[in-house]
Amino acid sequence: MTRSELTDNLTFVSAVQMLRHLTEDNVLTEAEAEKVRAELVRRLRPTI
């Protein structure tokens, strides 16, 4: 795993955790969270 892949994976995991908290706090709906998660996968291409 390259340094770039590691950074992208850590960023992705952190962002997913933030999305989960925002969804639990009713700041985002489930549909909005799924759209954001799909965009994160597209941009960061996690390998985990």
N, C-alpha and C. Protein backbone atom coordinates (compact mmCIF):
# COMPACT_ATOMS: atom_id res chain seq x y z
N MET A 1 0.86 -1.17 0.00
CA MET A 1 0.00 0.00 0.00
C MET A 1 0.91 1.24 0.00
N THR A 2 0.60 2.15 -0.89
CA THR A 2 1.39 3.37 -0.98
C THR A 2 0.94 4.37 0.07
N ARG A 3 1.74 5.37 0.27
CA ARG A 3 1.42 6.43 1.22
C ARG A 3 0.12 7.14 0.81
N SER A 4 -0.06 7.34 -0.48
CA SER A 4 -1.27 7.99 -0.99
C SER A 4 -2.51 7.16 -0.69
N GLU A 5 -2.41 5.84 -0.91
CA GLU A 5 -3.54 4.95 -0.61
C GLU A 5 -3.86 4.96 0.88
N LEU A 6 -2.82 4.95 1.71
CA LEU A 6 -3.03 4.99 3.15
C LEU A 6 -3.73 6.28 3.56
N THR A 7 -3.27 7.39 3.03
CA THR A 7 -3.90 8.68 3.33
C THR A 7 -5.35 8.70 2.88
N ASP A 8 -5.62 8.21 1.68
CA ASP A 8 -6.99 8.17 1.17
C ASP A 8 -7.88 7.28 2.04
N ASN A 9 -7.34 6.14 2.47
CA ASN A 9 -8.12 5.23 3.32
C ASN A 9 -8.44 5.87 4.67
N LEU A 10 -7.46 6.52 5.27
CA LEU A 10 -7.69 7.17 6.56
C LEU A 10 -8.68 8.32 6.43
N THR A 11 -8.57 9.07 5.36
CA THR A 11 -9.50 10.17 5.12
C THR A 11 -10.91 9.62 4.92
N PHE A 12 -11.02 8.54 4.17
CA PHE A 12 -12.32 7.92 3.91
C PHE A 12 -12.97 7.44 5.21
N VAL A 13 -12.20 6.73 6.05
CA VAL A 13 -12.74 6.21 7.30
C VAL A 13 -13.19 7.36 8.20
N SER A 14 -12.40 8.40 8.27
CA SER A 14 -12.76 9.56 9.09
C SER A 14 -14.04 10.21 8.58
N ALA A 15 -14.14 10.37 7.28
CA ALA A 15 -15.33 11.00 6.69
C ALA A 15 -16.57 10.14 6.91
N VAL A 16 -16.44 8.82 6.81
CA VAL A 16 -17.58 7.93 7.04
C VAL A 16 -18.04 8.02 8.50
N GLN A 17 -17.10 8.12 9.42
CA GLN A 17 -17.46 8.28 10.83
C GLN A 17 -18.20 9.59 11.06
N MET A 18 -17.72 10.65 10.42
CA MET A 18 -18.40 11.95 10.53
C MET A 18 -19.80 11.87 9.95
N LEU A 19 -19.96 11.19 8.82
CA LEU A 19 -21.28 11.03 8.22
C LEU A 19 -22.22 10.29 9.16
N ARG A 20 -21.70 9.25 9.80
CA ARG A 20 -22.52 8.47 10.74
C ARG A 20 -23.00 9.36 11.89
N HIS A 21 -22.11 10.18 12.42
CA HIS A 21 -22.49 11.07 13.51
C HIS A 21 -23.52 12.11 13.04
N LEU A 22 -23.32 12.65 11.87
CA LEU A 22 -24.27 13.65 11.35
C LEU A 22 -25.64 13.03 11.11
N THR A 23 -25.65 11.78 10.66
CA THR A 23 -26.92 11.09 10.44
C THR A 23 -27.60 10.79 11.77
N GLU A 24 -26.82 10.34 12.75
CA GLU A 24 -27.39 10.05 14.07
C GLU A 24 -27.95 11.30 14.74
N ASP A 25 -27.31 12.45 14.49
CA ASP A 25 -27.76 13.71 15.08
C ASP A 25 -28.85 14.38 14.25
N ASN A 26 -29.32 13.70 13.21
CA ASN A 26 -30.37 14.19 12.31
C ASN A 26 -30.00 15.48 11.58
N VAL A 27 -28.71 15.65 11.33
CA VAL A 27 -28.26 16.78 10.52
C VAL A 27 -28.39 16.42 9.04
N LEU A 28 -28.13 15.14 8.74
CA LEU A 28 -28.28 14.62 7.38
C LEU A 28 -29.29 13.48 7.38
N THR A 29 -29.99 13.36 6.27
CA THR A 29 -30.88 12.20 6.12
C THR A 29 -30.04 11.02 5.62
N GLU A 30 -30.62 9.84 5.69
CA GLU A 30 -29.93 8.64 5.19
C GLU A 30 -29.60 8.79 3.71
N ALA A 31 -30.53 9.34 2.95
CA ALA A 31 -30.32 9.50 1.51
C ALA A 31 -29.17 10.46 1.23
N GLU A 32 -29.10 11.56 1.97
CA GLU A 32 -28.01 12.51 1.79
C GLU A 32 -26.67 11.87 2.16
N ALA A 33 -26.66 11.11 3.24
CA ALA A 33 -25.43 10.45 3.67
C ALA A 33 -24.96 9.45 2.62
N GLU A 34 -25.87 8.73 2.01
CA GLU A 34 -25.49 7.76 0.97
C GLU A 34 -24.91 8.47 -0.26
N LYS A 35 -25.49 9.61 -0.62
CA LYS A 35 -24.96 10.37 -1.75
C LYS A 35 -23.53 10.84 -1.46
N VAL A 36 -23.32 11.35 -0.25
CA VAL A 36 -21.99 11.83 0.13
C VAL A 36 -21.01 10.66 0.18
N ARG A 37 -21.44 9.53 0.72
CA ARG A 37 -20.56 8.36 0.80
C ARG A 37 -20.17 7.89 -0.61
N ALA A 38 -21.11 7.88 -1.52
CA ALA A 38 -20.81 7.49 -2.90
C ALA A 38 -19.80 8.45 -3.53
N GLU A 39 -19.93 9.72 -3.25
CA GLU A 39 -18.98 10.71 -3.76
C GLU A 39 -17.60 10.51 -3.15
N LEU A 40 -17.55 10.18 -1.87
CA LEU A 40 -16.26 9.91 -1.22
C LEU A 40 -15.59 8.68 -1.84
N VAL A 41 -16.36 7.66 -2.09
CA VAL A 41 -15.81 6.45 -2.72
C VAL A 41 -15.27 6.80 -4.11
N ARG A 42 -16.00 7.61 -4.83
CA ARG A 42 -15.58 8.00 -6.18
C ARG A 42 -14.29 8.79 -6.13
N ARG A 43 -14.20 9.73 -5.21
CA ARG A 43 -13.02 10.61 -5.15
C ARG A 43 -11.81 9.94 -4.53
N LEU A 44 -12.01 9.20 -3.45
CA LEU A 44 -10.87 8.67 -2.71
C LEU A 44 -10.50 7.24 -3.10
N ARG A 45 -11.42 6.49 -3.71
CA ARG A 45 -11.18 5.13 -4.13
C ARG A 45 -10.49 4.30 -3.05
N PRO A 46 -11.19 4.12 -1.91
CA PRO A 46 -10.56 3.39 -0.80
C PRO A 46 -10.25 1.94 -1.18
N THR A 47 -9.18 1.43 -0.61
CA THR A 47 -8.76 0.07 -0.90
C THR A 47 -9.00 -0.85 0.29
N ILE A 48 -9.74 -0.36 1.27
CA ILE A 48 -10.01 -1.18 2.47
C ILE A 48 -11.32 -1.91 2.31
